[in-house]
Amino acid sequence: MKTSILAFGLVAATALTSPAHADKLDDIIASGTLRCAVVLDFPPMGSRDENNEPIGFDVDYCNDLAKALGVTAEIVETPFPERIPALMSGRVDVGVASTSDTLERAKTVGMTVPYFAFEMAVTANERSGIKSFEDMKGKVVGATAGTYEAIALENQVKAWGEGEFRPYQTQADVFLALSQGQLDATVSTSTVAQSNVKGGKFPGISVVDKAPFDIDYVALFTNREEYGFINYLNLFVNQQVRNGRYAELYEKWVGGEAPSLAVNGVYR
């Protein structure tokens, strides 16, 4: 009994004298910098202006998060396939990168509640004859590798049993291939589709239909064991909606009424 009491006392003394472990939230505040992974070839979520400065919804969202934390934002340009590797290698603290909240990704990183919601659209080369989603059957289609829409489109091509799916490294690569006729059509978010068509950089393409894929809810992400930081990020997303900033940024970068981030039958 005495031995047990002595052992307990030593353990308690060690706990009292051991320094507390600082988590990522503490580390970010102490460092004075928040490093955000942002995709910068994905307008209007992220791109560069005429002075090569990062702009877009996700850029502003990162800046808002940094301001709330009382630190300086550092935008780390991160292509779609490198988003999670950038976090795992320690190059960034958080992903503000239009990342679909899939269960597969949640095995690797910690994801927040949705901060943005995308509908899907079909954009076609005007010489392809494609006027609807079903017209893509048997055609050459493509999308940015690793994205929600790329996975869904590749699965659809397999289900059709004909045609060809081609993955690309960036959104710019997809729309350039589409404009040059290397692709007949692509599926992307409606925001990206409209931005690329209206921008005039990729002639000969047009948005022709909606794609019958689920709404793509996207989340912020960080290391999955950082519960304190994840809780903070969830509250931040909630506050962005409550104080009207989410609607303000949507109007600024996309236009129109911001889509609801609530999932019917799950939470409101």
Protein backbone atom coordinates (compact mmCIF):
# COMPACT_ATOMS: atom_id res chain seq x y z
CA MET A 1 0.00 0.00 0.00
CA LYS A 2 2.80 2.42 0.89
CA THR A 3 4.57 1.60 -2.36
CA SER A 4 1.42 2.36 -4.35
CA ILE A 5 0.90 5.67 -2.55
CA LEU A 6 4.53 6.62 -3.15
CA ALA A 7 4.27 5.72 -6.84
CA PHE A 8 1.09 7.76 -7.19
CA GLY A 9 2.78 10.72 -5.52
CA LEU A 10 5.70 10.55 -7.93
CA VAL A 11 3.40 10.41 -10.92
CA ALA A 12 1.39 13.36 -9.64
CA ALA A 13 4.54 15.36 -8.95
CA THR A 14 5.83 14.63 -12.44
CA ALA A 15 2.53 15.76 -13.98
CA LEU A 16 2.66 19.01 -12.01
CA THR A 17 6.25 19.81 -12.94
CA SER A 18 6.14 18.68 -16.61
CA PRO A 19 5.58 21.49 -19.12
CA ALA A 20 2.18 21.55 -20.81
CA HIS A 21 2.16 20.42 -24.43
CA ALA A 22 1.43 23.31 -26.76
CA ASP A 23 -0.95 22.41 -29.57
CA LYS A 24 -1.09 23.82 -33.10
CA LEU A 25 -3.44 26.63 -32.11
CA ASP A 26 -0.95 27.81 -29.49
CA ASP A 27 1.94 27.37 -31.91
CA ILE A 28 0.28 29.49 -34.61
CA ILE A 29 -0.53 32.31 -32.20
CA ALA A 30 3.00 32.21 -30.78
CA SER A 31 4.59 32.21 -34.24
CA GLY A 32 2.55 35.19 -35.42
CA THR A 33 1.90 33.53 -38.79
CA LEU A 34 -0.86 31.33 -40.22
CA ARG A 35 0.26 29.33 -43.27
CA CYS A 36 -2.72 28.50 -45.51
CA ALA A 37 -2.63 26.05 -48.39
CA VAL A 38 -4.62 27.74 -51.18
CA VAL A 39 -5.15 26.60 -54.78
CA LEU A 40 -4.39 29.58 -57.03
CA ASP A 41 -5.52 28.24 -60.39
CA PHE A 42 -9.13 27.84 -59.27
CA PRO A 43 -10.94 31.16 -59.82
CA PRO A 44 -12.93 32.63 -58.22
CA MET A 45 -11.77 30.68 -55.15
CA GLY A 46 -8.09 31.39 -55.77
CA SER A 47 -6.03 33.00 -58.53
CA ARG A 48 -3.52 35.82 -59.09
CA ASP A 49 -4.19 39.40 -60.13
CA GLU A 50 -2.31 41.48 -62.69
CA ASN A 51 0.39 42.14 -60.08
CA ASN A 52 0.74 38.39 -59.41
CA GLU A 53 -0.83 38.79 -55.96
CA PRO A 54 -3.11 36.03 -54.64
CA ILE A 55 -6.82 36.87 -54.75
CA GLY A 56 -10.11 35.02 -54.38
CA PHE A 57 -12.65 33.70 -51.91
CA ASP A 58 -10.22 31.27 -50.26
CA VAL A 59 -7.52 33.95 -50.03
CA ASP A 60 -9.91 36.32 -48.25
CA TYR A 61 -11.10 33.48 -46.03
CA CYS A 62 -7.52 32.73 -44.95
CA ASN A 63 -6.93 36.42 -44.28
CA ASP A 64 -10.11 36.55 -42.16
CA LEU A 65 -8.98 33.51 -40.16
CA ALA A 66 -5.55 35.01 -39.57
CA LYS A 67 -7.14 38.29 -38.43
CA ALA A 68 -9.34 36.42 -35.96
CA LEU A 69 -6.25 34.68 -34.58
CA GLY A 70 -4.35 37.94 -34.38
CA VAL A 71 -1.60 36.77 -36.73
CA THR A 72 -0.39 37.40 -40.28
CA ALA A 73 -1.65 35.23 -43.14
CA GLU A 74 0.84 33.49 -45.42
CA ILE A 75 -0.72 32.17 -48.63
CA VAL A 76 1.10 29.01 -49.74
CA GLU A 77 0.23 28.20 -53.36
CA THR A 78 -0.72 24.52 -53.40
CA PRO A 79 -2.00 22.58 -56.45
CA PHE A 80 -4.95 20.27 -55.85
CA PRO A 81 -2.95 17.01 -55.62
CA GLU A 82 -0.51 18.55 -53.11
CA ARG A 83 -3.01 19.91 -50.58
CA ILE A 84 -2.84 17.10 -48.03
CA PRO A 85 0.87 16.31 -48.60
CA ALA A 86 1.63 19.98 -47.88
CA LEU A 87 -0.05 19.65 -44.49
CA MET A 88 1.50 16.28 -43.66
CA SER A 89 4.99 17.57 -44.49
CA GLY A 90 4.54 20.60 -42.23
CA ARG A 91 4.63 23.24 -44.99
CA VAL A 92 1.21 24.62 -44.00
CA ASP A 93 -0.95 24.85 -40.88
CA VAL A 94 -4.39 24.65 -42.48
CA GLY A 95 -5.96 23.97 -45.85
CA VAL A 96 -8.27 26.70 -47.18
CA ALA A 97 -8.35 25.00 -50.53
CA SER A 98 -11.88 24.02 -51.60
CA THR A 99 -11.35 20.48 -50.30
CA SER A 100 -14.28 18.05 -50.41
CA ASP A 101 -15.07 16.59 -47.00
CA THR A 102 -14.82 12.92 -47.95
CA LEU A 103 -14.62 10.09 -45.44
CA GLU A 104 -11.47 8.85 -47.15
CA ARG A 105 -9.68 12.17 -46.58
CA ALA A 106 -10.92 12.24 -42.98
CA LYS A 107 -8.82 9.11 -42.32
CA THR A 108 -5.75 11.28 -42.87
CA VAL A 109 -6.66 14.84 -41.85
CA GLY A 110 -9.09 16.55 -39.52
CA MET A 111 -11.90 18.30 -41.40
CA THR A 112 -14.28 21.03 -40.28
CA VAL A 113 -17.94 21.61 -40.99
CA PRO A 114 -18.49 22.93 -44.57
CA TYR A 115 -17.38 26.49 -45.29
CA PHE A 116 -18.50 26.49 -48.96
CA ALA A 117 -20.82 24.47 -51.21
CA PHE A 118 -20.43 23.85 -54.95
CA GLU A 119 -22.92 22.76 -57.59
CA MET A 120 -21.53 20.92 -60.63
CA ALA A 121 -21.72 22.06 -64.27
CA VAL A 122 -20.84 20.60 -67.68
CA THR A 123 -18.60 22.76 -69.87
CA ALA A 124 -18.09 21.60 -73.46
CA ASN A 125 -16.02 22.46 -76.48
CA GLU A 126 -18.51 24.13 -78.80
CA ARG A 127 -17.43 21.88 -81.72
CA SER A 128 -18.14 18.69 -79.75
CA GLY A 129 -21.90 18.79 -80.19
CA ILE A 130 -22.40 18.20 -76.47
CA LYS A 131 -25.51 19.93 -75.16
CA SER A 132 -26.23 17.93 -72.00
CA PHE A 133 -24.63 15.70 -69.40
CA GLU A 134 -25.82 12.55 -71.20
CA ASP A 135 -24.20 13.76 -74.43
CA MET A 136 -20.81 13.17 -72.80
CA LYS A 137 -21.32 9.42 -73.08
CA GLY A 138 -18.70 7.96 -75.42
CA LYS A 139 -16.72 11.22 -75.54
CA VAL A 140 -13.28 12.21 -74.25
CA VAL A 141 -13.76 13.98 -70.93
CA GLY A 142 -11.46 15.08 -68.15
CA ALA A 143 -11.07 16.93 -64.86
CA THR A 144 -8.48 17.92 -62.28
CA ALA A 145 -7.00 14.80 -60.67
CA GLY A 146 -8.06 14.11 -57.09
CA THR A 147 -11.03 16.47 -57.04
CA TYR A 148 -14.58 15.43 -56.15
CA GLU A 149 -15.80 16.01 -59.69
CA ALA A 150 -12.90 14.07 -61.23
CA ILE A 151 -13.66 11.00 -59.11
CA ALA A 152 -17.38 11.23 -59.91
CA LEU A 153 -16.79 11.76 -63.63
CA GLU A 154 -14.30 8.90 -63.93
CA ASN A 155 -16.78 6.58 -62.20
CA GLN A 156 -19.50 7.75 -64.59
CA VAL A 157 -17.36 6.96 -67.65
CA LYS A 158 -16.77 3.47 -66.24
CA ALA A 159 -20.51 3.06 -65.67
CA TRP A 160 -21.24 4.13 -69.26
CA GLY A 161 -18.73 1.58 -70.50
CA GLU A 162 -17.50 3.81 -73.30
CA GLY A 163 -15.58 7.02 -73.77
CA GLU A 164 -12.35 8.11 -72.10
CA PHE A 165 -11.50 9.95 -68.89
CA ARG A 166 -8.28 11.99 -68.67
CA PRO A 167 -6.94 13.45 -65.40
CA TYR A 168 -5.06 16.76 -65.38
CA GLN A 169 -2.79 18.42 -62.85
CA THR A 170 -4.58 21.79 -62.69
CA GLN A 171 -7.87 23.45 -63.63
CA ALA A 172 -5.99 25.61 -66.14
CA ASP A 173 -4.70 22.45 -67.84
CA VAL A 174 -8.26 21.09 -68.07
CA PHE A 175 -9.74 24.21 -69.66
CA LEU A 176 -6.79 24.67 -72.01
CA ALA A 177 -7.23 21.07 -73.22
CA LEU A 178 -10.96 21.71 -73.59
CA SER A 179 -10.40 24.90 -75.58
CA GLN A 180 -7.85 23.18 -77.86
CA GLY A 181 -10.20 20.27 -78.55
CA GLN A 182 -8.15 17.64 -76.70
CA LEU A 183 -11.21 17.19 -74.47
CA ASP A 184 -14.83 17.24 -75.55
CA ALA A 185 -16.16 18.24 -72.13
CA THR A 186 -15.43 18.54 -68.44
CA VAL A 187 -17.36 18.68 -65.19
CA SER A 188 -16.33 21.33 -62.71
CA THR A 189 -17.93 23.49 -60.09
CA SER A 190 -20.37 25.98 -61.55
CA THR A 191 -18.29 28.84 -60.11
CA VAL A 192 -15.16 27.69 -61.94
CA ALA A 193 -17.06 26.95 -65.16
CA GLN A 194 -18.64 30.40 -65.34
CA SER A 195 -15.39 32.13 -64.41
CA ASN A 196 -13.42 30.39 -67.16
CA VAL A 197 -16.08 30.95 -69.81
CA LYS A 198 -16.56 34.63 -68.96
CA GLY A 199 -12.83 35.26 -68.59
CA GLY A 200 -12.23 34.76 -72.32
CA LYS A 201 -8.87 33.07 -71.80
CA PHE A 202 -10.20 29.78 -73.19
CA PRO A 203 -12.21 30.47 -76.37
CA GLY A 204 -14.67 28.07 -77.93
CA ILE A 205 -16.16 26.65 -74.74
CA SER A 206 -19.54 27.09 -73.06
CA VAL A 207 -21.48 25.87 -70.04
CA VAL A 208 -24.19 23.55 -71.39
CA ASP A 209 -25.82 21.74 -68.47
CA LYS A 210 -25.77 20.88 -64.79
CA ALA A 211 -24.08 17.64 -63.77
CA PRO A 212 -26.25 15.29 -61.69
CA PHE A 213 -23.62 14.92 -58.98
CA ASP A 214 -24.21 15.68 -55.31
CA ILE A 215 -23.51 19.17 -53.98
CA ASP A 216 -19.82 19.31 -53.15
CA TYR A 217 -19.42 20.51 -49.58
CA VAL A 218 -15.86 21.60 -48.85
CA ALA A 219 -14.09 21.96 -45.53
CA LEU A 220 -11.05 23.50 -43.93
CA PHE A 221 -8.55 20.87 -42.82
CA THR A 222 -5.62 20.46 -40.47
CA ASN A 223 -3.85 17.64 -38.62
CA ARG A 224 -6.50 15.26 -37.33
CA GLU A 225 -5.11 15.07 -33.77
CA GLU A 226 -5.31 18.86 -33.30
CA TYR A 227 -8.72 18.88 -31.61
CA GLY A 228 -8.30 22.35 -30.12
CA PHE A 229 -7.51 23.90 -33.50
CA ILE A 230 -10.30 21.98 -35.24
CA ASN A 231 -12.78 23.23 -32.62
CA TYR A 232 -11.57 26.79 -33.23
CA LEU A 233 -11.91 26.38 -37.01
CA ASN A 234 -15.46 25.04 -36.66
CA LEU A 235 -16.44 28.04 -34.54
CA PHE A 236 -14.78 30.38 -37.03
CA VAL A 237 -16.84 28.92 -39.93
CA ASN A 238 -19.96 29.30 -37.80
CA GLN A 239 -19.10 32.93 -37.02
CA GLN A 240 -18.42 33.74 -40.70
CA VAL A 241 -22.01 32.74 -41.50
CA ARG A 242 -23.57 34.40 -38.43
CA ASN A 243 -21.87 37.76 -38.94
CA GLY A 244 -22.68 37.88 -42.67
CA ARG A 245 -19.09 37.64 -43.89
CA TYR A 246 -19.71 34.37 -45.78
CA ALA A 247 -22.53 36.01 -47.77
CA GLU A 248 -20.38 39.11 -48.33
CA LEU A 249 -17.47 37.10 -49.74
CA TYR A 250 -19.81 35.01 -51.91
CA GLU A 251 -21.34 38.15 -53.43
CA LYS A 252 -17.88 39.63 -53.98
CA TRP A 253 -16.31 36.63 -55.73
CA VAL A 254 -19.21 34.62 -57.16
CA GLY A 255 -22.31 36.80 -57.18
CA GLY A 256 -25.86 36.10 -56.12
CA GLU A 257 -27.22 34.44 -53.02
CA ALA A 258 -24.79 32.27 -51.08
CA PRO A 259 -25.85 28.60 -50.91
CA SER A 260 -26.80 27.14 -47.56
CA LEU A 261 -24.07 25.20 -45.78
CA ALA A 262 -26.63 23.10 -43.91
CA VAL A 263 -27.38 19.55 -45.01
CA ASN A 264 -31.11 18.79 -44.95
CA GLY A 265 -31.96 16.10 -42.45
CA VAL A 266 -28.55 16.31 -40.76
CA TYR A 267 -28.11 19.80 -39.31
CA ARG A 268 -29.48 23.27 -39.96
